[in-house]
Amino acid sequence: MTRTFIALEMNEALQLHLGKTLRHLAQALPNARWVDPASIHLTLAFLGELTDKQLAEVAQATSATARQAARFSYSLTRLGIFGSPRRPQVIWMGIEEPSGKLLHLHRLLNQQLVQRGFEVDTRPFSPHLTLARVKAPLTAQELQLLQSMLSNRSQGIVSTDMYLVQHLNVMKSELSRAGAQYTCLQEYALS
């Protein structure tokens, strides 16, 4: 069984920018579990534990999607959180892709997966990059710093640069005490 998801991996320029962002944020919130910039990705579909046969079906679905989807670029928009403002659970970076190609890619992928019998998330797609997980409650000072960062766009956290997406990836996730380790199993070029 292989713990599998389909994602867009980040290019080197974006990883460098996110690395600087994470170092800045980690100084203010040292108790959050910050993600390694090299492992940040945009998840399009999480599929869980799959057999080899299911993995082959996922590869076919991903390949078919990539052939139908065009390359596109996106930019980073803002920091956000999942969870309540008093008890955030995840800190994320939003992305913006004005052409609609990312949403089209997501719809195509879901259609291909459903045709092959996979269940897909039916919630509205909210593209984001997970930067940190917050396990323990933040102190009042940390919460105040986080709220300031969430409302302040001028700290070099958000980038106006555009990042090109050229591939769709089938990924393997292996859980360990040190955190999840991600491996690209297959990469498919977008048309």
N, C-alpha and C. Protein backbone atom coordinates (compact mmCIF):
# COMPACT_ATOMS: atom_id res chain seq x y z
N MET A 1 0.84 -1.18 0.00
CA MET A 1 0.00 0.00 0.00
C MET A 1 0.89 1.25 0.00
N THR A 2 0.46 2.23 -0.78
CA THR A 2 1.22 3.47 -0.91
C THR A 2 0.31 4.65 -0.59
N ARG A 3 0.72 5.46 0.38
CA ARG A 3 -0.03 6.68 0.74
C ARG A 3 0.22 7.70 -0.36
N THR A 4 -0.84 8.08 -1.09
CA THR A 4 -0.69 8.78 -2.35
C THR A 4 -1.50 10.07 -2.42
N PHE A 5 -0.92 11.04 -3.10
CA PHE A 5 -1.65 12.28 -3.42
C PHE A 5 -1.14 12.81 -4.74
N ILE A 6 -1.92 13.71 -5.34
CA ILE A 6 -1.54 14.34 -6.60
C ILE A 6 -1.33 15.82 -6.31
N ALA A 7 -0.21 16.35 -6.79
CA ALA A 7 0.14 17.72 -6.40
C ALA A 7 0.95 18.43 -7.47
N LEU A 8 1.08 19.73 -7.26
CA LEU A 8 2.00 20.56 -8.03
C LEU A 8 3.18 20.85 -7.12
N GLU A 9 4.37 20.48 -7.55
CA GLU A 9 5.55 20.78 -6.75
C GLU A 9 6.01 22.20 -7.05
N MET A 10 6.76 22.77 -6.13
CA MET A 10 7.23 24.14 -6.26
C MET A 10 8.58 24.19 -6.97
N ASN A 11 8.79 25.24 -7.77
CA ASN A 11 10.08 25.37 -8.43
C ASN A 11 11.10 25.95 -7.46
N GLU A 12 12.36 25.99 -7.87
CA GLU A 12 13.44 26.42 -6.98
C GLU A 12 13.29 27.87 -6.52
N ALA A 13 12.88 28.75 -7.42
CA ALA A 13 12.71 30.17 -7.04
C ALA A 13 11.65 30.32 -5.95
N LEU A 14 10.56 29.59 -6.08
CA LEU A 14 9.51 29.65 -5.08
C LEU A 14 9.97 29.04 -3.76
N GLN A 15 10.70 27.94 -3.83
CA GLN A 15 11.22 27.33 -2.60
C GLN A 15 12.14 28.30 -1.87
N LEU A 16 12.98 29.04 -2.61
CA LEU A 16 13.87 30.03 -1.98
C LEU A 16 13.06 31.12 -1.29
N HIS A 17 12.04 31.64 -1.99
CA HIS A 17 11.21 32.69 -1.40
C HIS A 17 10.50 32.16 -0.15
N LEU A 18 9.93 30.97 -0.24
CA LEU A 18 9.22 30.41 0.91
C LEU A 18 10.17 30.11 2.07
N GLY A 19 11.41 29.72 1.75
CA GLY A 19 12.41 29.49 2.80
C GLY A 19 12.67 30.76 3.59
N LYS A 20 12.81 31.90 2.91
CA LYS A 20 13.01 33.19 3.59
C LYS A 20 11.77 33.54 4.42
N THR A 21 10.61 33.32 3.84
CA THR A 21 9.36 33.59 4.55
C THR A 21 9.25 32.76 5.81
N LEU A 22 9.57 31.47 5.70
CA LEU A 22 9.47 30.57 6.85
C LEU A 22 10.45 30.96 7.95
N ARG A 23 11.66 31.36 7.57
CA ARG A 23 12.64 31.79 8.59
C ARG A 23 12.11 33.02 9.34
N HIS A 24 11.53 33.95 8.60
CA HIS A 24 10.97 35.16 9.20
C HIS A 24 9.83 34.81 10.16
N LEU A 25 8.93 33.96 9.71
CA LEU A 25 7.78 33.59 10.52
C LEU A 25 8.19 32.75 11.74
N ALA A 26 9.17 31.87 11.55
CA ALA A 26 9.61 30.99 12.64
C ALA A 26 10.22 31.78 13.79
N GLN A 27 10.83 32.92 13.48
CA GLN A 27 11.37 33.75 14.56
C GLN A 27 10.24 34.28 15.45
N ALA A 28 9.12 34.62 14.84
CA ALA A 28 8.00 35.16 15.59
C ALA A 28 7.19 34.07 16.28
N LEU A 29 7.13 32.90 15.65
CA LEU A 29 6.31 31.79 16.19
C LEU A 29 7.14 30.51 16.25
N PRO A 30 8.10 30.45 17.17
CA PRO A 30 9.01 29.29 17.21
C PRO A 30 8.36 27.98 17.61
N ASN A 31 7.18 28.01 18.21
CA ASN A 31 6.55 26.77 18.66
C ASN A 31 5.71 26.08 17.60
N ALA A 32 5.49 26.73 16.47
CA ALA A 32 4.78 26.07 15.37
C ALA A 32 5.73 25.08 14.69
N ARG A 33 5.17 24.03 14.08
CA ARG A 33 5.98 23.07 13.31
C ARG A 33 6.03 23.54 11.87
N TRP A 34 7.14 24.15 11.48
CA TRP A 34 7.29 24.73 10.16
C TRP A 34 7.68 23.67 9.16
N VAL A 35 7.13 23.76 7.97
CA VAL A 35 7.36 22.80 6.89
C VAL A 35 8.71 23.09 6.24
N ASP A 36 9.40 22.06 5.82
CA ASP A 36 10.63 22.22 5.05
C ASP A 36 10.26 22.81 3.70
N PRO A 37 10.87 23.95 3.30
CA PRO A 37 10.49 24.57 2.01
C PRO A 37 10.61 23.62 0.82
N ALA A 38 11.54 22.67 0.89
CA ALA A 38 11.71 21.73 -0.23
C ALA A 38 10.53 20.77 -0.36
N SER A 39 9.73 20.63 0.68
CA SER A 39 8.61 19.68 0.61
C SER A 39 7.26 20.36 0.43
N ILE A 40 7.25 21.68 0.28
CA ILE A 40 5.98 22.39 0.10
C ILE A 40 5.44 22.10 -1.30
N HIS A 41 4.17 21.83 -1.37
CA HIS A 41 3.51 21.50 -2.63
C HIS A 41 2.05 21.95 -2.54
N LEU A 42 1.41 22.01 -3.68
CA LEU A 42 -0.01 22.34 -3.74
C LEU A 42 -0.77 21.05 -4.03
N THR A 43 -1.46 20.52 -3.02
CA THR A 43 -2.19 19.27 -3.17
C THR A 43 -3.48 19.50 -3.96
N LEU A 44 -3.68 18.69 -4.98
CA LEU A 44 -4.91 18.73 -5.77
C LEU A 44 -5.87 17.62 -5.37
N ALA A 45 -5.33 16.47 -4.96
CA ALA A 45 -6.16 15.34 -4.54
C ALA A 45 -5.36 14.46 -3.60
N PHE A 46 -5.91 14.20 -2.41
CA PHE A 46 -5.31 13.25 -1.49
C PHE A 46 -6.10 11.96 -1.59
N LEU A 47 -5.41 10.85 -1.86
CA LEU A 47 -6.10 9.60 -2.14
C LEU A 47 -5.91 8.53 -1.07
N GLY A 48 -5.01 8.75 -0.14
CA GLY A 48 -4.79 7.79 0.94
C GLY A 48 -3.99 6.59 0.49
N GLU A 49 -4.16 5.48 1.22
CA GLU A 49 -3.41 4.24 0.95
C GLU A 49 -3.98 3.54 -0.28
N LEU A 50 -3.11 3.29 -1.27
CA LEU A 50 -3.54 2.66 -2.51
C LEU A 50 -2.76 1.38 -2.79
N THR A 51 -3.43 0.42 -3.42
CA THR A 51 -2.76 -0.78 -3.90
C THR A 51 -2.00 -0.43 -5.18
N ASP A 52 -1.17 -1.36 -5.65
CA ASP A 52 -0.44 -1.14 -6.90
C ASP A 52 -1.40 -0.96 -8.07
N LYS A 53 -2.50 -1.72 -8.07
CA LYS A 53 -3.48 -1.60 -9.14
C LYS A 53 -4.13 -0.22 -9.12
N GLN A 54 -4.51 0.25 -7.94
CA GLN A 54 -5.09 1.59 -7.82
C GLN A 54 -4.09 2.67 -8.22
N LEU A 55 -2.84 2.46 -7.85
CA LEU A 55 -1.79 3.42 -8.20
C LEU A 55 -1.64 3.53 -9.72
N ALA A 56 -1.77 2.43 -10.41
CA ALA A 56 -1.71 2.45 -11.88
C ALA A 56 -2.90 3.24 -12.45
N GLU A 57 -4.08 3.09 -11.85
CA GLU A 57 -5.25 3.86 -12.28
C GLU A 57 -5.05 5.35 -12.04
N VAL A 58 -4.45 5.69 -10.91
CA VAL A 58 -4.17 7.09 -10.60
C VAL A 58 -3.18 7.67 -11.62
N ALA A 59 -2.19 6.88 -11.99
CA ALA A 59 -1.23 7.33 -12.99
C ALA A 59 -1.93 7.61 -14.32
N GLN A 60 -2.85 6.74 -14.72
CA GLN A 60 -3.60 6.96 -15.96
C GLN A 60 -4.44 8.22 -15.87
N ALA A 61 -5.10 8.43 -14.74
CA ALA A 61 -5.94 9.61 -14.55
C ALA A 61 -5.09 10.89 -14.60
N THR A 62 -3.94 10.85 -13.96
CA THR A 62 -3.06 12.02 -13.91
C THR A 62 -2.48 12.32 -15.29
N SER A 63 -2.08 11.28 -16.00
CA SER A 63 -1.55 11.45 -17.35
C SER A 63 -2.60 12.05 -18.28
N ALA A 64 -3.82 11.52 -18.23
CA ALA A 64 -4.91 12.03 -19.07
C ALA A 64 -5.21 13.49 -18.74
N THR A 65 -5.19 13.83 -17.46
CA THR A 65 -5.43 15.21 -17.04
C THR A 65 -4.35 16.14 -17.58
N ALA A 66 -3.09 15.74 -17.44
CA ALA A 66 -1.98 16.58 -17.88
C ALA A 66 -2.05 16.85 -19.39
N ARG A 67 -2.48 15.85 -20.16
CA ARG A 67 -2.59 16.05 -21.62
C ARG A 67 -3.66 17.06 -21.98
N GLN A 68 -4.68 17.23 -21.11
CA GLN A 68 -5.79 18.14 -21.40
C GLN A 68 -5.63 19.52 -20.78
N ALA A 69 -4.66 19.68 -19.88
CA ALA A 69 -4.53 20.93 -19.13
C ALA A 69 -3.32 21.74 -19.61
N ALA A 70 -3.49 23.04 -19.64
CA ALA A 70 -2.42 23.92 -20.10
C ALA A 70 -1.55 24.38 -18.93
N ARG A 71 -0.31 24.74 -19.25
CA ARG A 71 0.58 25.33 -18.26
C ARG A 71 0.00 26.67 -17.82
N PHE A 72 0.37 27.09 -16.63
CA PHE A 72 -0.12 28.37 -16.12
C PHE A 72 0.86 28.91 -15.08
N SER A 73 0.65 30.15 -14.71
CA SER A 73 1.47 30.78 -13.66
C SER A 73 0.56 31.28 -12.56
N TYR A 74 1.13 31.37 -11.36
CA TYR A 74 0.38 31.90 -10.22
C TYR A 74 1.30 32.74 -9.36
N SER A 75 0.70 33.50 -8.46
CA SER A 75 1.46 34.29 -7.50
C SER A 75 0.97 33.99 -6.09
N LEU A 76 1.77 34.38 -5.12
CA LEU A 76 1.40 34.22 -3.71
C LEU A 76 0.56 35.42 -3.31
N THR A 77 -0.49 35.20 -2.54
CA THR A 77 -1.39 36.30 -2.24
C THR A 77 -1.34 36.77 -0.80
N ARG A 78 -1.50 35.86 0.17
CA ARG A 78 -1.58 36.31 1.55
C ARG A 78 -1.40 35.12 2.48
N LEU A 79 -1.09 35.42 3.73
CA LEU A 79 -1.08 34.40 4.76
C LEU A 79 -2.49 34.18 5.25
N GLY A 80 -2.78 32.98 5.68
CA GLY A 80 -4.07 32.67 6.27
C GLY A 80 -3.92 31.55 7.27
N ILE A 81 -5.01 31.23 7.95
CA ILE A 81 -5.00 30.15 8.92
C ILE A 81 -6.23 29.27 8.74
N PHE A 82 -6.10 28.02 9.14
CA PHE A 82 -7.23 27.13 9.34
C PHE A 82 -7.36 26.97 10.84
N GLY A 83 -8.58 26.97 11.32
CA GLY A 83 -8.84 26.95 12.74
C GLY A 83 -9.33 28.33 13.15
N SER A 84 -9.61 28.49 14.40
CA SER A 84 -10.11 29.78 14.87
C SER A 84 -8.95 30.75 15.07
N PRO A 85 -9.21 32.06 15.04
CA PRO A 85 -8.15 33.03 15.29
C PRO A 85 -7.49 32.86 16.67
N ARG A 86 -8.24 32.32 17.63
CA ARG A 86 -7.68 32.11 18.97
C ARG A 86 -6.94 30.78 19.09
N ARG A 87 -7.21 29.86 18.16
CA ARG A 87 -6.57 28.53 18.20
C ARG A 87 -6.29 28.06 16.78
N PRO A 88 -5.37 28.74 16.09
CA PRO A 88 -5.06 28.32 14.71
C PRO A 88 -4.42 26.94 14.70
N GLN A 89 -4.74 26.16 13.67
CA GLN A 89 -4.19 24.81 13.54
C GLN A 89 -3.17 24.72 12.41
N VAL A 90 -3.39 25.50 11.37
CA VAL A 90 -2.50 25.50 10.20
C VAL A 90 -2.29 26.95 9.76
N ILE A 91 -1.05 27.27 9.39
CA ILE A 91 -0.73 28.56 8.78
C ILE A 91 -0.41 28.27 7.32
N TRP A 92 -1.05 29.00 6.43
CA TRP A 92 -0.88 28.72 5.00
C TRP A 92 -0.64 30.01 4.21
N MET A 93 -0.15 29.80 2.98
CA MET A 93 0.04 30.88 2.02
C MET A 93 -0.96 30.66 0.89
N GLY A 94 -1.76 31.68 0.62
CA GLY A 94 -2.73 31.58 -0.47
C GLY A 94 -2.05 31.83 -1.81
N ILE A 95 -2.66 31.32 -2.85
CA ILE A 95 -2.14 31.57 -4.20
C ILE A 95 -3.26 32.11 -5.07
N GLU A 96 -2.86 32.85 -6.08
CA GLU A 96 -3.82 33.43 -7.02
C GLU A 96 -3.40 33.05 -8.44
N GLU A 97 -4.38 32.58 -9.19
CA GLU A 97 -4.14 32.21 -10.58
C GLU A 97 -5.33 32.75 -11.37
N PRO A 98 -5.20 33.96 -11.91
CA PRO A 98 -6.35 34.66 -12.47
C PRO A 98 -6.94 34.07 -13.75
N SER A 99 -6.20 33.23 -14.47
CA SER A 99 -6.72 32.74 -15.75
C SER A 99 -7.77 31.64 -15.59
N GLY A 100 -7.86 31.04 -14.41
CA GLY A 100 -8.80 29.94 -14.20
C GLY A 100 -8.25 28.58 -14.59
N LYS A 101 -7.00 28.52 -15.05
CA LYS A 101 -6.42 27.24 -15.49
C LYS A 101 -6.20 26.28 -14.33
N LEU A 102 -5.89 26.80 -13.15
CA LEU A 102 -5.71 25.92 -11.99
C LEU A 102 -7.04 25.27 -11.61
N LEU A 103 -8.09 26.02 -11.57
CA LEU A 103 -9.41 25.44 -11.25
C LEU A 103 -9.83 24.44 -12.32
N HIS A 104 -9.53 24.74 -13.58
CA HIS A 104 -9.84 23.82 -14.67
C HIS A 104 -9.04 22.52 -14.50
N LEU A 105 -7.77 22.63 -14.17
CA LEU A 105 -6.92 21.45 -13.92
C LEU A 105 -7.52 20.61 -12.79
N HIS A 106 -7.92 21.25 -11.72
CA HIS A 106 -8.50 20.54 -10.57
C HIS A 106 -9.78 19.81 -10.97
N ARG A 107 -10.65 20.48 -11.73
CA ARG A 107 -11.90 19.84 -12.19
C ARG A 107 -11.61 18.64 -13.09
N LEU A 108 -10.68 18.82 -14.05
CA LEU A 108 -10.33 17.71 -14.95
C LEU A 108 -9.80 16.51 -14.16
N LEU A 109 -8.92 16.78 -13.21
CA LEU A 109 -8.35 15.70 -12.42
C LEU A 109 -9.44 14.96 -11.64
N ASN A 110 -10.33 15.71 -11.00
CA ASN A 110 -11.42 15.06 -10.25
C ASN A 110 -12.29 14.21 -11.17
N GLN A 111 -12.58 14.71 -12.38
CA GLN A 111 -13.39 13.94 -13.33
C GLN A 111 -12.68 12.63 -13.69
N GLN A 112 -11.38 12.70 -13.96
CA GLN A 112 -10.63 11.49 -14.31
C GLN A 112 -10.59 10.50 -13.16
N LEU A 113 -10.44 11.00 -11.94
CA LEU A 113 -10.40 10.11 -10.78
C LEU A 113 -11.76 9.46 -10.53
N VAL A 114 -12.84 10.24 -10.61
CA VAL A 114 -14.18 9.70 -10.40
C VAL A 114 -14.51 8.64 -11.45
N GLN A 115 -14.11 8.87 -12.71
CA GLN A 115 -14.35 7.89 -13.77
C GLN A 115 -13.69 6.55 -13.46
N ARG A 116 -12.63 6.59 -12.65
CA ARG A 116 -11.91 5.36 -12.30
C ARG A 116 -12.29 4.84 -10.92
N GLY A 117 -13.36 5.39 -10.35
CA GLY A 117 -13.89 4.86 -9.11
C GLY A 117 -13.31 5.44 -7.82
N PHE A 118 -12.56 6.51 -7.91
CA PHE A 118 -12.00 7.11 -6.70
C PHE A 118 -12.95 8.15 -6.13
N GLU A 119 -12.94 8.27 -4.81
CA GLU A 119 -13.70 9.33 -4.16
C GLU A 119 -12.84 10.58 -4.14
N VAL A 120 -13.46 11.73 -4.41
CA VAL A 120 -12.73 12.99 -4.38
C VAL A 120 -13.39 13.93 -3.36
N ASP A 121 -12.62 14.88 -2.90
CA ASP A 121 -13.13 15.86 -1.95
C ASP A 121 -14.14 16.74 -2.66
N THR A 122 -15.33 16.87 -2.10
CA THR A 122 -16.38 17.65 -2.76
C THR A 122 -16.46 19.08 -2.23
N ARG A 123 -15.63 19.41 -1.23
CA ARG A 123 -15.62 20.79 -0.74
C ARG A 123 -15.04 21.71 -1.82
N PRO A 124 -15.40 22.98 -1.79
CA PRO A 124 -14.81 23.91 -2.77
C PRO A 124 -13.29 23.91 -2.67
N PHE A 125 -12.63 23.93 -3.81
CA PHE A 125 -11.17 23.91 -3.88
C PHE A 125 -10.62 25.24 -3.39
N SER A 126 -9.72 25.20 -2.44
CA SER A 126 -9.11 26.39 -1.86
C SER A 126 -7.59 26.25 -1.97
N PRO A 127 -7.01 26.67 -3.10
CA PRO A 127 -5.58 26.46 -3.30
C PRO A 127 -4.74 27.21 -2.28
N HIS A 128 -3.84 26.47 -1.63
CA HIS A 128 -2.97 27.06 -0.61
C HIS A 128 -1.74 26.17 -0.43
N LEU A 129 -0.72 26.76 0.17
CA LEU A 129 0.50 26.05 0.50
C LEU A 129 0.60 26.01 2.03
N THR A 130 0.63 24.83 2.61
CA THR A 130 0.75 24.72 4.06
C THR A 130 2.17 25.08 4.47
N LEU A 131 2.28 26.06 5.40
CA LEU A 131 3.58 26.50 5.89
C LEU A 131 3.90 25.94 7.26
N ALA A 132 2.89 25.78 8.12
CA ALA A 132 3.14 25.30 9.48
C ALA A 132 1.88 24.67 10.06
N ARG A 133 2.12 23.80 11.03
CA ARG A 133 1.04 23.22 11.82
C ARG A 133 1.25 23.67 13.26
N VAL A 134 0.17 24.04 13.90
CA VAL A 134 0.25 24.55 15.27
C VAL A 134 -0.42 23.52 16.18
N LYS A 135 0.38 22.83 16.97
CA LYS A 135 -0.15 21.78 17.85
C LYS A 135 -0.57 22.35 19.21
N ALA A 136 0.31 23.11 19.84
CA ALA A 136 0.02 23.66 21.16
C ALA A 136 -0.59 25.05 21.01
N PRO A 137 -1.42 25.45 21.97
CA PRO A 137 -2.00 26.80 21.89
C PRO A 137 -0.89 27.86 21.90
N LEU A 138 -1.10 28.91 21.12
CA LEU A 138 -0.15 30.01 21.07
C LEU A 138 -0.38 30.92 22.28
N THR A 139 0.70 31.57 22.72
CA THR A 139 0.57 32.54 23.81
C THR A 139 -0.16 33.77 23.28
N ALA A 140 -0.60 34.63 24.20
CA ALA A 140 -1.29 35.86 23.79
C ALA A 140 -0.38 36.71 22.91
N GLN A 141 0.92 36.75 23.23
CA GLN A 141 1.86 37.54 22.43
C GLN A 141 2.02 36.93 21.03
N GLU A 142 2.12 35.60 20.96
CA GLU A 142 2.23 34.93 19.66
C GLU A 142 0.98 35.15 18.81
N LEU A 143 -0.19 35.06 19.44
CA LEU A 143 -1.44 35.31 18.71
C LEU A 143 -1.48 36.73 18.15
N GLN A 144 -1.01 37.69 18.94
CA GLN A 144 -0.97 39.08 18.48
C GLN A 144 -0.01 39.23 17.31
N LEU A 145 1.16 38.60 17.39
CA LEU A 145 2.12 38.65 16.28
C LEU A 145 1.54 38.01 15.03
N LEU A 146 0.88 36.87 15.20
CA LEU A 146 0.28 36.18 14.05
C LEU A 146 -0.79 37.05 13.41
N GLN A 147 -1.66 37.65 14.21
CA GLN A 147 -2.70 38.52 13.65
C GLN A 147 -2.10 39.69 12.90
N SER A 148 -1.00 40.22 13.41
CA SER A 148 -0.31 41.32 12.73
C SER A 148 0.23 40.84 11.37
N MET A 149 0.81 39.64 11.35
CA MET A 149 1.34 39.10 10.08
C MET A 149 0.22 38.81 9.09
N LEU A 150 -0.92 38.33 9.60
CA LEU A 150 -2.03 38.02 8.70
C LEU A 150 -2.59 39.27 8.05
N SER A 151 -2.50 40.40 8.72
CA SER A 151 -3.08 41.63 8.17
C SER A 151 -2.06 42.52 7.47
N ASN A 152 -0.77 42.19 7.59
CA ASN A 152 0.28 43.05 7.03
C ASN A 152 0.89 42.41 5.79
N ARG A 153 0.67 43.01 4.64
CA ARG A 153 1.21 42.48 3.37
C ARG A 153 2.58 43.04 3.04
N SER A 154 3.12 43.95 3.84
CA SER A 154 4.34 44.65 3.44
C SER A 154 5.62 44.08 4.05
N GLN A 155 5.59 42.91 4.63
CA GLN A 155 6.77 42.37 5.29
C GLN A 155 7.61 41.46 4.40
N GLY A 156 7.41 41.48 3.10
CA GLY A 156 8.18 40.62 2.22
C GLY A 156 7.70 39.18 2.22
N ILE A 157 6.56 38.94 2.84
CA ILE A 157 6.04 37.58 2.92
C ILE A 157 5.36 37.20 1.60
N VAL A 158 4.57 38.11 1.08
CA VAL A 158 3.86 37.87 -0.17
C VAL A 158 4.74 38.32 -1.33
N SER A 159 4.76 37.55 -2.39
CA SER A 159 5.58 37.85 -3.55
C SER A 159 4.68 38.18 -4.74
N THR A 160 5.04 39.21 -5.48
CA THR A 160 4.28 39.52 -6.69
C THR A 160 4.82 38.76 -7.89
N ASP A 161 5.90 38.00 -7.70
CA ASP A 161 6.46 37.19 -8.79
C ASP A 161 5.44 36.15 -9.24
N MET A 162 5.52 35.79 -10.50
CA MET A 162 4.66 34.74 -11.04
C MET A 162 5.49 33.46 -11.14
N TYR A 163 4.90 32.34 -10.74
CA TYR A 163 5.58 31.06 -10.76
C TYR A 163 4.90 30.14 -11.77
N LEU A 164 5.70 29.59 -12.70
CA LEU A 164 5.18 28.76 -13.78
C LEU A 164 4.98 27.32 -13.32
N VAL A 165 3.82 26.75 -13.63
CA VAL A 165 3.52 25.34 -13.36
C VAL A 165 3.59 24.60 -14.68
N GLN A 166 4.45 23.58 -14.73
CA GLN A 166 4.65 22.83 -15.97
C GLN A 166 4.32 21.34 -15.84
N HIS A 167 4.19 20.85 -14.58
CA HIS A 167 4.02 19.41 -14.38
C HIS A 167 2.95 19.12 -13.33
N LEU A 168 2.37 17.96 -13.47
CA LEU A 168 1.42 17.41 -12.51
C LEU A 168 2.08 16.14 -11.97
N ASN A 169 2.09 15.98 -10.64
CA ASN A 169 2.87 14.91 -10.02
C ASN A 169 2.02 13.96 -9.18
N VAL A 170 2.30 12.67 -9.32
CA VAL A 170 1.77 11.66 -8.42
C VAL A 170 2.84 11.50 -7.34
N MET A 171 2.42 11.71 -6.08
CA MET A 171 3.35 11.75 -4.96
C MET A 171 3.08 10.64 -3.96
N LYS A 172 4.15 10.19 -3.30
CA LYS A 172 4.05 9.24 -2.21
C LYS A 172 4.39 9.97 -0.92
N SER A 173 3.63 9.69 0.13
CA SER A 173 3.87 10.30 1.44
C SER A 173 4.19 9.19 2.43
N GLU A 174 5.33 9.32 3.11
CA GLU A 174 5.71 8.37 4.14
C GLU A 174 5.79 9.12 5.46
N LEU A 175 5.03 8.67 6.43
CA LEU A 175 4.99 9.34 7.73
C LEU A 175 6.08 8.79 8.64
N SER A 176 6.73 9.71 9.38
CA SER A 176 7.74 9.31 10.36
C SER A 176 7.68 10.30 11.51
N ARG A 177 8.45 10.04 12.55
CA ARG A 177 8.49 10.95 13.70
C ARG A 177 9.04 12.32 13.30
N ALA A 178 9.89 12.35 12.31
CA ALA A 178 10.49 13.61 11.85
C ALA A 178 9.54 14.39 10.94
N GLY A 179 8.40 13.81 10.62
CA GLY A 179 7.45 14.45 9.71
C GLY A 179 7.28 13.64 8.45
N ALA A 180 6.40 14.10 7.60
CA ALA A 180 6.14 13.39 6.34
C ALA A 180 7.29 13.59 5.36
N GLN A 181 7.63 12.52 4.66
CA GLN A 181 8.62 12.57 3.59
C GLN A 181 7.88 12.33 2.28
N TYR A 182 8.12 13.20 1.29
CA TYR A 182 7.41 13.11 0.03
C TYR A 182 8.35 12.69 -1.09
N THR A 183 7.87 11.81 -1.93
CA THR A 183 8.63 11.34 -3.08
C THR A 183 7.74 11.42 -4.31
N CYS A 184 8.28 12.00 -5.39
CA CYS A 184 7.54 12.05 -6.64
C CYS A 184 7.64 10.68 -7.32
N LEU A 185 6.50 10.02 -7.52
CA LEU A 185 6.47 8.72 -8.18
C LEU A 185 6.43 8.88 -9.69
N GLN A 186 5.65 9.85 -10.17
CA GLN A 186 5.52 10.10 -11.60
C GLN A 186 5.25 11.57 -11.82
N GLU A 187 5.80 12.08 -12.91
CA GLU A 187 5.63 13.48 -13.27
C GLU A 187 5.12 13.54 -14.70
N TYR A 188 4.06 14.33 -14.92
CA TYR A 188 3.46 14.44 -16.24
C TYR A 188 3.47 15.89 -16.67
N ALA A 189 3.99 16.16 -17.86
CA ALA A 189 4.06 17.53 -18.38
C ALA A 189 2.68 18.00 -18.79
N LEU A 190 2.35 19.24 -18.40
CA LEU A 190 1.11 19.86 -18.86
C LEU A 190 1.29 20.26 -20.31
N SER A 191 0.19 20.29 -21.06
CA SER A 191 0.30 20.62 -22.49
C SER A 191 0.59 22.08 -22.71
